[in-house]
Amino acid sequence: MLERIRILAAVTLMGASAVAGQAPSQPAEIMPLQLEAKIPLGDVRGRIDHMAIDLARQRLFVAELGNDSVSVVDLKDRKVLRRISGLKEPQGVGYVASTDTLYVANAGDGSLRLFRGENYADEARINLGDDADNIRVDDATHRVIVGYGGGALAMIDAATHNKIADIPLKGHPESFQFSRDGKEIFVNVPDAREIAVIDRGRGKQVASWPMRNATGNFPMALDEDAGRVFTVFRYPARLGVFALSDGKVVATPDICRDADDVFADAKRQRLYASCGDGSLDVLDMQGAFRRTARIPTVAGARTALFAPDLDRLFLAVRAERGEAASIWIFRPLP
């Protein structure tokens, strides 16, 4: 059933490219990411942060940090369906399909807010204490993990909505990723200039990979088939490629500046990095990790979401220099 939903979602989204919101025709040059559509967000001001997706309904959730709101975007009709307001600097969002619950992490008051069902009823609030940030959903264990505060990952039971554990870190966690078997969590901790390796079974950090030649390691992605961990540094702007087994440095090519998200496209063996300098970088995940394209966007548009089930990259564009706040949809080629 889930596979059928994914297939139908992908077909519907691709077929919707001819409806309202379609982007202008692209130049003759074929780029690895083709701008397919722009969905206006309306009167949204300030910074836009992370996104999550409800695949079954084809709804995209957009954390509008500077607007104290989350937009619910209908990807089939290419429009904002509704806006959840009254939040406090929402940063991270996550969706749990099994309970039909949207999780929103708020930096302003350290809360984790839960909204349930098709109409997003205000379900619950969990007070984490400070700077609630990135959210990851582990469907296999029915856990929601939230990075927050001066250094911790909060483990939330998705069934009971209770915080069941904290895993301490040496600084505020930025992006983090689970290993495929769920035994390890890799965490960017830029304040400690490290990638922390967490043993989930023991609930503690078991290794530290020091970042010696660059700082500001915010976004992260994994390629477990090739045994790689990818992180992007801001100072200087570089991609860090590390061996999954021991953290050994594999490569450090240059990349776009002020990155906040990076994604691995396993199908095409590519990396996509979204950067606040107004560009998307596309890199080959094989060999020397060379950049194959740099696609102009808008200054400050540094958060994105790659949805392999829909085969689309969504870029959050804030209102900037005459450009309205919107979601840009890119289709990978070929």
C-alpha atoms as a PDB file:
ATOM      1  CA  MET A   1       0.000   0.000   0.000  1.00  0.00           C
ATOM      2  CA  LEU A   2       2.802   2.425   0.942  1.00  0.00           C
ATOM      3  CA  GLU A   3       4.600   1.713  -2.329  1.00  0.00           C
ATOM      4  CA  ARG A   4       1.354   2.415  -4.226  1.00  0.00           C
ATOM      5  CA  ILE A   5       0.987   5.762  -2.433  1.00  0.00           C
ATOM      6  CA  ARG A   6       4.561   6.695  -3.305  1.00  0.00           C
ATOM      7  CA  ILE A   7       4.113   5.828  -6.957  1.00  0.00           C
ATOM      8  CA  LEU A   8       0.827   7.721  -7.216  1.00  0.00           C
ATOM      9  CA  ALA A   9       2.386  10.723  -5.460  1.00  0.00           C
ATOM     10  CA  ALA A  10       5.292  10.836  -7.878  1.00  0.00           C
ATOM     11  CA  VAL A  11       3.055  10.516 -10.942  1.00  0.00           C
ATOM     12  CA  THR A  12       0.617  13.170  -9.716  1.00  0.00           C
ATOM     13  CA  LEU A  13       3.362  15.660  -8.879  1.00  0.00           C
ATOM     14  CA  MET A  14       5.037  15.263 -12.261  1.00  0.00           C
ATOM     15  CA  GLY A  15       1.719  15.637 -14.031  1.00  0.00           C
ATOM     16  CA  ALA A  16       0.964  18.847 -12.126  1.00  0.00           C
ATOM     17  CA  SER A  17       3.784  20.737 -13.818  1.00  0.00           C
ATOM     18  CA  ALA A  18       1.330  22.054 -16.403  1.00  0.00           C
ATOM     19  CA  VAL A  19      -0.986  23.688 -13.861  1.00  0.00           C
ATOM     20  CA  ALA A  20      -0.884  27.111 -12.215  1.00  0.00           C
ATOM     21  CA  GLY A  21       2.435  28.050 -10.685  1.00  0.00           C
ATOM     22  CA  GLN A  22       4.536  26.575 -13.448  1.00  0.00           C
ATOM     23  CA  ALA A  23       7.911  28.238 -13.903  1.00  0.00           C
ATOM     24  CA  PRO A  24       8.862  29.978 -17.141  1.00  0.00           C
ATOM     25  CA  SER A  25      10.611  27.939 -19.825  1.00  0.00           C
ATOM     26  CA  GLN A  26      14.205  27.054 -19.011  1.00  0.00           C
ATOM     27  CA  PRO A  27      17.235  27.944 -21.112  1.00  0.00           C
ATOM     28  CA  ALA A  28      18.334  25.513 -23.796  1.00  0.00           C
ATOM     29  CA  GLU A  29      21.235  24.326 -21.642  1.00  0.00           C
ATOM     30  CA  ILE A  30      20.252  21.176 -19.763  1.00  0.00           C
ATOM     31  CA  MET A  31      21.074  21.478 -16.067  1.00  0.00           C
ATOM     32  CA  PRO A  32      21.016  18.573 -13.588  1.00  0.00           C
ATOM     33  CA  LEU A  33      18.250  20.397 -11.673  1.00  0.00           C
ATOM     34  CA  GLN A  34      15.448  21.959 -13.723  1.00  0.00           C
ATOM     35  CA  LEU A  35      13.248  24.630 -12.137  1.00  0.00           C
ATOM     36  CA  GLU A  36       9.744  23.251 -12.574  1.00  0.00           C
ATOM     37  CA  ALA A  37       7.522  25.589 -10.524  1.00  0.00           C
ATOM     38  CA  LYS A  38       7.336  28.344  -7.938  1.00  0.00           C
ATOM     39  CA  ILE A  39       4.652  28.230  -5.239  1.00  0.00           C
ATOM     40  CA  PRO A  40       4.034  31.643  -3.612  1.00  0.00           C
ATOM     41  CA  LEU A  41       3.852  31.589   0.191  1.00  0.00           C
ATOM     42  CA  GLY A  42       2.038  34.913   0.460  1.00  0.00           C
ATOM     43  CA  ASP A  43       2.932  37.634   2.948  1.00  0.00           C
ATOM     44  CA  VAL A  44       5.770  35.826   4.709  1.00  0.00           C
ATOM     45  CA  ARG A  45       8.653  37.887   6.035  1.00  0.00           C
ATOM     46  CA  GLY A  46      12.048  36.958   7.392  1.00  0.00           C
ATOM     47  CA  ARG A  47      14.020  33.767   7.539  1.00  0.00           C
ATOM     48  CA  ILE A  48      12.557  30.437   6.410  1.00  0.00           C
ATOM     49  CA  ASP A  49      13.956  27.274   7.967  1.00  0.00           C
ATOM     50  CA  HIS A  50      13.437  23.551   7.471  1.00  0.00           C
ATOM     51  CA  MET A  51      10.710  21.504   5.763  1.00  0.00           C
ATOM     52  CA  ALA A  52       8.997  18.124   6.038  1.00  0.00           C
ATOM     53  CA  ILE A  53       6.489  16.247   3.894  1.00  0.00           C
ATOM     54  CA  ASP A  54       3.274  14.248   4.194  1.00  0.00           C
ATOM     55  CA  LEU A  55       3.612  11.932   1.192  1.00  0.00           C
ATOM     56  CA  ALA A  56       0.115  10.456   1.304  1.00  0.00           C
ATOM     57  CA  ARG A  57      -1.569  13.870   1.091  1.00  0.00           C
ATOM     58  CA  GLN A  58       1.273  15.511  -0.854  1.00  0.00           C
ATOM     59  CA  ARG A  59       1.601  18.328   1.659  1.00  0.00           C
ATOM     60  CA  LEU A  60       4.806  20.204   2.355  1.00  0.00           C
ATOM     61  CA  PHE A  61       5.362  21.794   5.779  1.00  0.00           C
ATOM     62  CA  VAL A  62       7.496  24.954   5.798  1.00  0.00           C
ATOM     63  CA  ALA A  63       8.960  26.422   9.010  1.00  0.00           C
ATOM     64  CA  GLU A  64       8.648  30.190   8.616  1.00  0.00           C
ATOM     65  CA  LEU A  65      10.949  31.157  11.475  1.00  0.00           C
ATOM     66  CA  GLY A  66      10.834  34.920  10.956  1.00  0.00           C
ATOM     67  CA  ASN A  67       7.047  34.830  10.585  1.00  0.00           C
ATOM     68  CA  ASP A  68       6.370  32.652  13.675  1.00  0.00           C
ATOM     69  CA  SER A  69       4.340  30.289  11.510  1.00  0.00           C
ATOM     70  CA  VAL A  70       4.326  27.031   9.541  1.00  0.00           C
ATOM     71  CA  SER A  71       2.787  26.902   6.074  1.00  0.00           C
ATOM     72  CA  VAL A  72       1.006  23.790   4.837  1.00  0.00           C
ATOM     73  CA  VAL A  73       1.547  23.672   1.064  1.00  0.00           C
ATOM     74  CA  ASP A  74      -0.632  21.551  -1.219  1.00  0.00           C
ATOM     75  CA  LEU A  75       1.793  20.153  -3.800  1.00  0.00           C
ATOM     76  CA  LYS A  76      -0.965  18.867  -6.098  1.00  0.00           C
ATOM     77  CA  ASP A  77      -2.696  22.247  -6.489  1.00  0.00           C
ATOM     78  CA  ARG A  78       0.510  24.251  -5.978  1.00  0.00           C
ATOM     79  CA  LYS A  79      -0.857  26.561  -3.285  1.00  0.00           C
ATOM     80  CA  VAL A  80      -0.739  27.276   0.446  1.00  0.00           C
ATOM     81  CA  LEU A  81      -3.542  25.286   2.033  1.00  0.00           C
ATOM     82  CA  ARG A  82      -3.336  26.886   5.468  1.00  0.00           C
ATOM     83  CA  ARG A  83      -0.949  28.549   7.899  1.00  0.00           C
ATOM     84  CA  ILE A  84      -0.333  27.508  11.519  1.00  0.00           C
ATOM     85  CA  SER A  85       0.415  30.705  13.442  1.00  0.00           C
ATOM     86  CA  GLY A  86       1.207  31.655  17.037  1.00  0.00           C
ATOM     87  CA  LEU A  87       4.515  29.792  17.097  1.00  0.00           C
ATOM     88  CA  LYS A  88       7.861  31.048  18.448  1.00  0.00           C
ATOM     89  CA  GLU A  89      10.590  30.988  15.799  1.00  0.00           C
ATOM     90  CA  PRO A  90       9.869  27.520  14.395  1.00  0.00           C
ATOM     91  CA  GLN A  91      13.030  25.854  13.083  1.00  0.00           C
ATOM     92  CA  GLY A  92      12.505  22.125  12.670  1.00  0.00           C
ATOM     93  CA  VAL A  93       9.446  20.236  11.422  1.00  0.00           C
ATOM     94  CA  GLY A  94       8.764  16.508  11.244  1.00  0.00           C
ATOM     95  CA  TYR A  95       5.772  14.429  10.220  1.00  0.00           C
ATOM     96  CA  VAL A  96       4.861  11.017  11.680  1.00  0.00           C
ATOM     97  CA  ALA A  97       2.557   9.218   9.258  1.00  0.00           C
ATOM     98  CA  SER A  98       1.587   6.414  11.666  1.00  0.00           C
ATOM     99  CA  THR A  99      -0.069   8.895  14.062  1.00  0.00           C
ATOM    100  CA  ASP A 100      -0.803  11.624  11.484  1.00  0.00           C
ATOM    101  CA  THR A 101       1.063  14.149  13.626  1.00  0.00           C
ATOM    102  CA  LEU A 102       3.099  17.209  12.695  1.00  0.00           C
ATOM    103  CA  TYR A 103       5.939  18.118  15.081  1.00  0.00           C
ATOM    104  CA  VAL A 104       7.245  21.706  15.208  1.00  0.00           C
ATOM    105  CA  ALA A 105      10.395  22.663  17.143  1.00  0.00           C
ATOM    106  CA  ASN A 106      10.473  26.301  18.318  1.00  0.00           C
ATOM    107  CA  ALA A 107      13.737  28.118  18.959  1.00  0.00           C
ATOM    108  CA  GLY A 108      12.041  31.069  20.634  1.00  0.00           C
ATOM    109  CA  ASP A 109      10.603  29.239  23.644  1.00  0.00           C
ATOM    110  CA  GLY A 110      12.245  25.802  23.421  1.00  0.00           C
ATOM    111  CA  SER A 111       8.932  24.030  22.890  1.00  0.00           C
ATOM    112  CA  LEU A 112       8.000  21.079  20.709  1.00  0.00           C
ATOM    113  CA  ARG A 113       4.437  21.568  19.453  1.00  0.00           C
ATOM    114  CA  LEU A 114       2.306  18.725  18.089  1.00  0.00           C
ATOM    115  CA  PHE A 115      -0.553  19.149  15.596  1.00  0.00           C
ATOM    116  CA  ARG A 116      -2.688  16.177  14.641  1.00  0.00           C
ATOM    117  CA  GLY A 117      -4.929  15.104  11.806  1.00  0.00           C
ATOM    118  CA  GLU A 118      -5.901  16.614   8.490  1.00  0.00           C
ATOM    119  CA  ASN A 119      -6.934  19.873  10.156  1.00  0.00           C
ATOM    120  CA  TYR A 120      -3.831  20.092  12.412  1.00  0.00           C
ATOM    121  CA  ALA A 121      -5.570  20.259  15.759  1.00  0.00           C
ATOM    122  CA  ASP A 122      -3.321  21.498  18.559  1.00  0.00           C
ATOM    123  CA  GLU A 123      -2.522  18.157  20.195  1.00  0.00           C
ATOM    124  CA  ALA A 124       0.277  18.626  22.730  1.00  0.00           C
ATOM    125  CA  ARG A 125       3.262  20.666  23.851  1.00  0.00           C
ATOM    126  CA  ILE A 126       6.574  19.362  25.188  1.00  0.00           C
ATOM    127  CA  ASN A 127       8.855  21.910  26.832  1.00  0.00           C
ATOM    128  CA  LEU A 128      12.464  21.071  26.000  1.00  0.00           C
ATOM    129  CA  GLY A 129      13.958  24.154  27.622  1.00  0.00           C
ATOM    130  CA  ASP A 130      15.885  26.093  24.990  1.00  0.00           C
ATOM    131  CA  ASP A 131      16.513  26.454  21.234  1.00  0.00           C
ATOM    132  CA  ALA A 132      14.555  23.452  19.923  1.00  0.00           C
ATOM    133  CA  ASP A 133      15.930  22.857  16.429  1.00  0.00           C
ATOM    134  CA  ASN A 134      16.318  19.945  13.991  1.00  0.00           C
ATOM    135  CA  ILE A 135      13.822  17.065  14.010  1.00  0.00           C
ATOM    136  CA  ARG A 136      14.310  13.537  12.680  1.00  0.00           C
ATOM    137  CA  VAL A 137      11.655  10.819  12.610  1.00  0.00           C
ATOM    138  CA  ASP A 138      12.649   7.187  13.128  1.00  0.00           C
ATOM    139  CA  ASP A 139       9.671   5.189  11.891  1.00  0.00           C
ATOM    140  CA  ALA A 140      11.296   1.862  12.736  1.00  0.00           C
ATOM    141  CA  THR A 141      11.379   2.580  16.486  1.00  0.00           C
ATOM    142  CA  HIS A 142       8.459   5.049  16.602  1.00  0.00           C
ATOM    143  CA  ARG A 143      10.733   7.745  17.961  1.00  0.00           C
ATOM    144  CA  VAL A 144      11.026  11.441  17.181  1.00  0.00           C
ATOM    145  CA  ILE A 145      14.466  12.906  17.911  1.00  0.00           C
ATOM    146  CA  VAL A 146      14.929  16.646  18.458  1.00  0.00           C
ATOM    147  CA  GLY A 147      18.186  18.561  18.840  1.00  0.00           C
ATOM    148  CA  TYR A 148      18.005  21.364  21.370  1.00  0.00           C
ATOM    149  CA  GLY A 149      19.696  23.556  23.965  1.00  0.00           C
ATOM    150  CA  GLY A 150      23.343  23.758  24.832  1.00  0.00           C
ATOM    151  CA  GLY A 151      23.830  20.171  23.764  1.00  0.00           C
ATOM    152  CA  ALA A 152      21.285  17.339  23.720  1.00  0.00           C
ATOM    153  CA  LEU A 153      19.105  15.091  21.617  1.00  0.00           C
ATOM    154  CA  ALA A 154      15.641  14.555  23.077  1.00  0.00           C
ATOM    155  CA  MET A 155      14.035  11.169  22.392  1.00  0.00           C
ATOM    156  CA  ILE A 156      10.236  11.391  22.064  1.00  0.00           C
ATOM    157  CA  ASP A 157       7.883   8.391  22.029  1.00  0.00           C
ATOM    158  CA  ALA A 158       5.639   8.993  18.999  1.00  0.00           C
ATOM    159  CA  ALA A 159       2.804   6.926  20.513  1.00  0.00           C
ATOM    160  CA  THR A 160       2.625   8.544  23.965  1.00  0.00           C
ATOM    161  CA  HIS A 161       4.131  11.963  23.113  1.00  0.00           C
ATOM    162  CA  ASN A 162       6.410  11.662  26.142  1.00  0.00           C
ATOM    163  CA  LYS A 163      10.090  12.544  26.283  1.00  0.00           C
ATOM    164  CA  ILE A 164      11.740   9.290  27.288  1.00  0.00           C
ATOM    165  CA  ALA A 165      15.436  10.179  27.235  1.00  0.00           C
ATOM    166  CA  ASP A 166      18.093  12.813  26.626  1.00  0.00           C
ATOM    167  CA  ILE A 167      21.432  12.107  24.980  1.00  0.00           C
ATOM    168  CA  PRO A 168      23.981  14.738  26.079  1.00  0.00           C
ATOM    169  CA  LEU A 169      26.365  16.396  23.614  1.00  0.00           C
ATOM    170  CA  LYS A 170      29.260  18.845  23.893  1.00  0.00           C
ATOM    171  CA  GLY A 171      27.383  21.665  22.178  1.00  0.00           C
ATOM    172  CA  HIS A 172      24.192  22.555  20.338  1.00  0.00           C
ATOM    173  CA  PRO A 173      23.415  19.911  17.685  1.00  0.00           C
ATOM    174  CA  GLU A 174      22.835  20.920  14.094  1.00  0.00           C
ATOM    175  CA  SER A 175      21.983  18.344  11.411  1.00  0.00           C
ATOM    176  CA  PHE A 176      22.094  14.694  12.478  1.00  0.00           C
ATOM    177  CA  GLN A 177      21.445  11.436  10.640  1.00  0.00           C
ATOM    178  CA  PHE A 178      20.641   7.823  11.587  1.00  0.00           C
ATOM    179  CA  SER A 179      22.546   4.820  10.333  1.00  0.00           C
ATOM    180  CA  ARG A 180      20.374   2.454   8.307  1.00  0.00           C
ATOM    181  CA  ASP A 181      20.309  -0.169  11.056  1.00  0.00           C
ATOM    182  CA  GLY A 182      19.363   2.478  13.611  1.00  0.00           C
ATOM    183  CA  LYS A 183      22.277   1.691  15.904  1.00  0.00           C
ATOM    184  CA  GLU A 184      24.200   4.939  15.413  1.00  0.00           C
ATOM    185  CA  ILE A 185      23.425   8.637  15.123  1.00  0.00           C
ATOM    186  CA  PHE A 186      25.953  10.995  13.515  1.00  0.00           C
ATOM    187  CA  VAL A 187      25.643  14.569  14.807  1.00  0.00           C
ATOM    188  CA  ASN A 188      27.161  17.841  13.649  1.00  0.00           C
ATOM    189  CA  VAL A 189      28.274  19.777  16.747  1.00  0.00           C
ATOM    190  CA  PRO A 190      29.888  22.934  15.327  1.00  0.00           C
ATOM    191  CA  ASP A 191      30.478  24.581  18.718  1.00  0.00           C
ATOM    192  CA  ALA A 192      32.635  21.607  19.709  1.00  0.00           C
ATOM    193  CA  ARG A 193      34.184  21.439  16.201  1.00  0.00           C
ATOM    194  CA  GLU A 194      33.280  17.780  15.859  1.00  0.00           C
ATOM    195  CA  ILE A 195      30.987  15.144  14.480  1.00  0.00           C
ATOM    196  CA  ALA A 196      29.676  13.152  17.428  1.00  0.00           C
ATOM    197  CA  VAL A 197      28.914   9.446  16.996  1.00  0.00           C
ATOM    198  CA  ILE A 198      26.089   8.245  19.251  1.00  0.00           C
ATOM    199  CA  ASP A 199      25.401   4.653  20.255  1.00  0.00           C
ATOM    200  CA  ARG A 200      21.604   4.590  20.484  1.00  0.00           C
ATOM    201  CA  GLY A 201      21.454   1.404  22.502  1.00  0.00           C
ATOM    202  CA  ARG A 202      23.721   2.851  25.195  1.00  0.00           C
ATOM    203  CA  GLY A 203      22.298   6.351  24.862  1.00  0.00           C
ATOM    204  CA  LYS A 204      25.679   8.040  24.830  1.00  0.00           C
ATOM    205  CA  GLN A 205      28.418   9.450  22.632  1.00  0.00           C
ATOM    206  CA  VAL A 206      31.033   6.842  21.792  1.00  0.00           C
ATOM    207  CA  ALA A 207      33.287   8.685  19.335  1.00  0.00           C
ATOM    208  CA  SER A 208      34.325  12.186  18.305  1.00  0.00           C
ATOM    209  CA  TRP A 209      35.576  13.134  14.856  1.00  0.00           C
ATOM    210  CA  PRO A 210      37.445  16.431  15.227  1.00  0.00           C
ATOM    211  CA  MET A 211      37.012  19.101  12.535  1.00  0.00           C
ATOM    212  CA  ARG A 212      40.546  20.515  12.412  1.00  0.00           C
ATOM    213  CA  ASN A 213      40.737  22.585   9.234  1.00  0.00           C
ATOM    214  CA  ALA A 214      37.230  24.026   8.899  1.00  0.00           C
ATOM    215  CA  THR A 215      34.342  25.169  11.111  1.00  0.00           C
ATOM    216  CA  GLY A 216      30.611  25.713  10.882  1.00  0.00           C
ATOM    217  CA  ASN A 217      29.642  22.122  10.056  1.00  0.00           C
ATOM    218  CA  PHE A 218      25.855  22.485   9.808  1.00  0.00           C
ATOM    219  CA  PRO A 219      24.277  20.239   7.091  1.00  0.00           C
ATOM    220  CA  MET A 220      24.868  16.472   6.899  1.00  0.00           C
ATOM    221  CA  ALA A 221      23.969  13.516   4.669  1.00  0.00           C
ATOM    222  CA  LEU A 222      24.907   9.819   4.574  1.00  0.00           C
ATOM    223  CA  ASP A 223      25.752   7.414   1.762  1.00  0.00           C
ATOM    224  CA  GLU A 224      25.948   4.093   3.575  1.00  0.00           C
ATOM    225  CA  ASP A 225      26.319   2.055   0.392  1.00  0.00           C
ATOM    226  CA  ALA A 226      29.655   3.785  -0.220  1.00  0.00           C
ATOM    227  CA  GLY A 227      30.456   4.149   3.495  1.00  0.00           C
ATOM    228  CA  ARG A 228      30.510   7.968   3.497  1.00  0.00           C
ATOM    229  CA  VAL A 229      29.383  10.799   5.778  1.00  0.00           C
ATOM    230  CA  PHE A 230      29.003  14.208   4.129  1.00  0.00           C
ATOM    231  CA  THR A 231      29.051  17.495   5.997  1.00  0.00           C
ATOM    232  CA  VAL A 232      29.319  21.027   4.651  1.00  0.00           C
ATOM    233  CA  PHE A 233      31.466  23.658   6.347  1.00  0.00           C
ATOM    234  CA  ARG A 234      30.833  27.380   6.208  1.00  0.00           C
ATOM    235  CA  TYR A 235      34.328  28.558   7.182  1.00  0.00           C
ATOM    236  CA  PRO A 236      35.816  28.031   4.679  1.00  0.00           C
ATOM    237  CA  ALA A 237      33.078  26.808   2.329  1.00  0.00           C
ATOM    238  CA  ARG A 238      33.971  23.155   1.795  1.00  0.00           C
ATOM    239  CA  LEU A 239      32.362  19.762   1.549  1.00  0.00           C
ATOM    240  CA  GLY A 240      33.775  17.308   4.070  1.00  0.00           C
ATOM    241  CA  VAL A 241      33.690  13.655   3.014  1.00  0.00           C
ATOM    242  CA  PHE A 242      34.422  11.204   5.847  1.00  0.00           C
ATOM    243  CA  ALA A 243      34.680   7.427   6.088  1.00  0.00           C
ATOM    244  CA  LEU A 244      31.610   6.103   7.882  1.00  0.00           C
ATOM    245  CA  SER A 245      33.661   3.508   9.758  1.00  0.00           C
ATOM    246  CA  ASP A 246      36.184   5.759  11.505  1.00  0.00           C
ATOM    247  CA  GLY A 247      35.782   9.402  10.427  1.00  0.00           C
ATOM    248  CA  LYS A 248      38.874   9.450   8.244  1.00  0.00           C
ATOM    249  CA  VAL A 249      38.904  12.394   5.818  1.00  0.00           C
ATOM    250  CA  VAL A 250      38.297  11.249   2.236  1.00  0.00           C
ATOM    251  CA  ALA A 251      37.980  14.594   0.398  1.00  0.00           C
ATOM    252  CA  THR A 252      37.392  18.314   1.037  1.00  0.00           C
ATOM    253  CA  PRO A 253      36.349  20.015  -2.240  1.00  0.00           C
ATOM    254  CA  ASP A 254      35.152  23.629  -2.382  1.00  0.00           C
ATOM    255  CA  ILE A 255      31.408  24.274  -2.315  1.00  0.00           C
ATOM    256  CA  CYS A 256      28.926  27.179  -2.290  1.00  0.00           C
ATOM    257  CA  ARG A 257      28.914  29.521   0.714  1.00  0.00           C
ATOM    258  CA  ASP A 258      26.575  29.564   3.736  1.00  0.00           C
ATOM    259  CA  ALA A 259      25.158  26.056   3.246  1.00  0.00           C
ATOM    260  CA  ASP A 260      22.324  24.827   5.451  1.00  0.00           C
ATOM    261  CA  ASP A 261      21.199  21.619   3.743  1.00  0.00           C
ATOM    262  CA  VAL A 262      22.831  18.809   1.772  1.00  0.00           C
ATOM    263  CA  PHE A 263      21.225  15.695   0.284  1.00  0.00           C
ATOM    264  CA  ALA A 264      22.430  12.501  -1.369  1.00  0.00           C
ATOM    265  CA  ASP A 265      20.615  11.438  -4.532  1.00  0.00           C
ATOM    266  CA  ALA A 266      21.444   7.727  -4.577  1.00  0.00           C
ATOM    267  CA  LYS A 267      19.706   7.163  -7.896  1.00  0.00           C
ATOM    268  CA  ARG A 268      22.020   9.565  -9.755  1.00  0.00           C
ATOM    269  CA  GLN A 269      25.030   9.428  -7.421  1.00  0.00           C
ATOM    270  CA  ARG A 270      24.825  13.175  -6.788  1.00  0.00           C
ATOM    271  CA  LEU A 271      24.930  15.575  -3.872  1.00  0.00           C
ATOM    272  CA  TYR A 272      22.732  18.683  -3.728  1.00  0.00           C
ATOM    273  CA  ALA A 273      23.777  21.559  -1.437  1.00  0.00           C
ATOM    274  CA  SER A 274      21.586  24.630  -0.857  1.00  0.00           C
ATOM    275  CA  CYS A 275      23.463  27.783   0.079  1.00  0.00           C
ATOM    276  CA  GLY A 276      22.637  31.237   1.375  1.00  0.00           C
ATOM    277  CA  ASP A 277      24.951  32.849  -1.156  1.00  0.00           C
ATOM    278  CA  GLY A 278      22.172  32.305  -3.691  1.00  0.00           C
ATOM    279  CA  SER A 279      23.076  29.015  -5.322  1.00  0.00           C
ATOM    280  CA  LEU A 280      22.511  25.291  -5.462  1.00  0.00           C
ATOM    281  CA  ASP A 281      25.616  23.175  -5.981  1.00  0.00           C
ATOM    282  CA  VAL A 282      25.463  19.754  -7.616  1.00  0.00           C
ATOM    283  CA  LEU A 283      28.401  17.416  -6.999  1.00  0.00           C
ATOM    284  CA  ASP A 284      29.309  13.988  -8.298  1.00  0.00           C
ATOM    285  CA  MET A 285      29.370  11.540  -5.364  1.00  0.00           C
ATOM    286  CA  GLN A 286      31.917   9.361  -7.152  1.00  0.00           C
ATOM    287  CA  GLY A 287      35.629   9.867  -7.593  1.00  0.00           C
ATOM    288  CA  ALA A 288      36.904  13.317  -6.643  1.00  0.00           C
ATOM    289  CA  PHE A 289      33.462  14.746  -5.709  1.00  0.00           C
ATOM    290  CA  ARG A 290      33.727  17.400  -8.388  1.00  0.00           C
ATOM    291  CA  ARG A 291      31.071  20.069  -8.823  1.00  0.00           C
ATOM    292  CA  THR A 292      29.056  19.486 -11.993  1.00  0.00           C
ATOM    293  CA  ALA A 293      26.752  22.521 -11.785  1.00  0.00           C
ATOM    294  CA  ARG A 294      26.099  25.703  -9.825  1.00  0.00           C
ATOM    295  CA  ILE A 295      22.493  26.863 -10.211  1.00  0.00           C
ATOM    296  CA  PRO A 296      21.617  30.483  -9.300  1.00  0.00           C
ATOM    297  CA  THR A 297      18.780  30.981  -6.791  1.00  0.00           C
ATOM    298  CA  VAL A 298      18.179  33.894  -4.369  1.00  0.00           C
ATOM    299  CA  ALA A 299      20.370  35.253  -1.566  1.00  0.00           C
ATOM    300  CA  GLY A 300      19.335  33.713   1.750  1.00  0.00           C
ATOM    301  CA  ALA A 301      17.646  30.662   0.187  1.00  0.00           C
ATOM    302  CA  ARG A 302      19.686  28.114   2.070  1.00  0.00           C
ATOM    303  CA  THR A 303      17.158  25.521   3.297  1.00  0.00           C
ATOM    304  CA  ALA A 304      15.847  22.743   1.092  1.00  0.00           C
ATOM    305  CA  LEU A 305      14.295  19.285   1.134  1.00  0.00           C
ATOM    306  CA  PHE A 306      14.989  16.463  -1.300  1.00  0.00           C
ATOM    307  CA  ALA A 307      12.123  13.949  -1.525  1.00  0.00           C
ATOM    308  CA  PRO A 308      13.319  10.792  -3.330  1.00  0.00           C
ATOM    309  CA  ASP A 309       9.781   9.349  -3.387  1.00  0.00           C
ATOM    310  CA  LEU A 310       8.644  12.338  -5.463  1.00  0.00           C
ATOM    311  CA  ASP A 311      12.022  12.805  -7.165  1.00  0.00           C
ATOM    312  CA  ARG A 312      11.933  16.525  -6.414  1.00  0.00           C
ATOM    313  CA  LEU A 313      14.058  19.083  -4.583  1.00  0.00           C
ATOM    314  CA  PHE A 314      12.146  21.821  -2.751  1.00  0.00           C
ATOM    315  CA  LEU A 315      13.942  25.106  -2.013  1.00  0.00           C
ATOM    316  CA  ALA A 316      12.630  27.661   0.503  1.00  0.00           C
ATOM    317  CA  VAL A 317      13.085  31.193  -0.857  1.00  0.00           C
ATOM    318  CA  ARG A 318      12.580  34.085   1.539  1.00  0.00           C
ATOM    319  CA  ALA A 319      11.267  37.480   0.449  1.00  0.00           C
ATOM    320  CA  GLU A 320      14.383  39.248  -0.822  1.00  0.00           C
ATOM    321  CA  ARG A 321      15.044  42.146  -3.218  1.00  0.00           C
ATOM    322  CA  GLY A 322      11.772  41.979  -5.070  1.00  0.00           C
ATOM    323  CA  GLU A 323      11.544  38.173  -4.935  1.00  0.00           C
ATOM    324  CA  ALA A 324       8.409  37.012  -3.108  1.00  0.00           C
ATOM    325  CA  ALA A 325       8.619  34.295  -0.467  1.00  0.00           C
ATOM    326  CA  SER A 326       8.017  31.004  -2.239  1.00  0.00           C
ATOM    327  CA  ILE A 327       8.877  27.349  -2.638  1.00  0.00           C
ATOM    328  CA  TRP A 328      10.855  26.552  -5.765  1.00  0.00           C
ATOM    329  CA  ILE A 329      10.478  23.009  -7.090  1.00  0.00           C
ATOM    330  CA  PHE A 330      13.385  21.469  -8.983  1.00  0.00           C
ATOM    331  CA  ARG A 331      13.211  18.269 -11.008  1.00  0.00           C
ATOM    332  CA  PRO A 332      16.475  16.309 -11.268  1.00  0.00           C
ATOM    333  CA  LEU A 333      17.609  15.390 -14.774  1.00  0.00           C
ATOM    334  CA  PRO A 334      18.034  12.982 -16.394  1.00  0.00           C
END
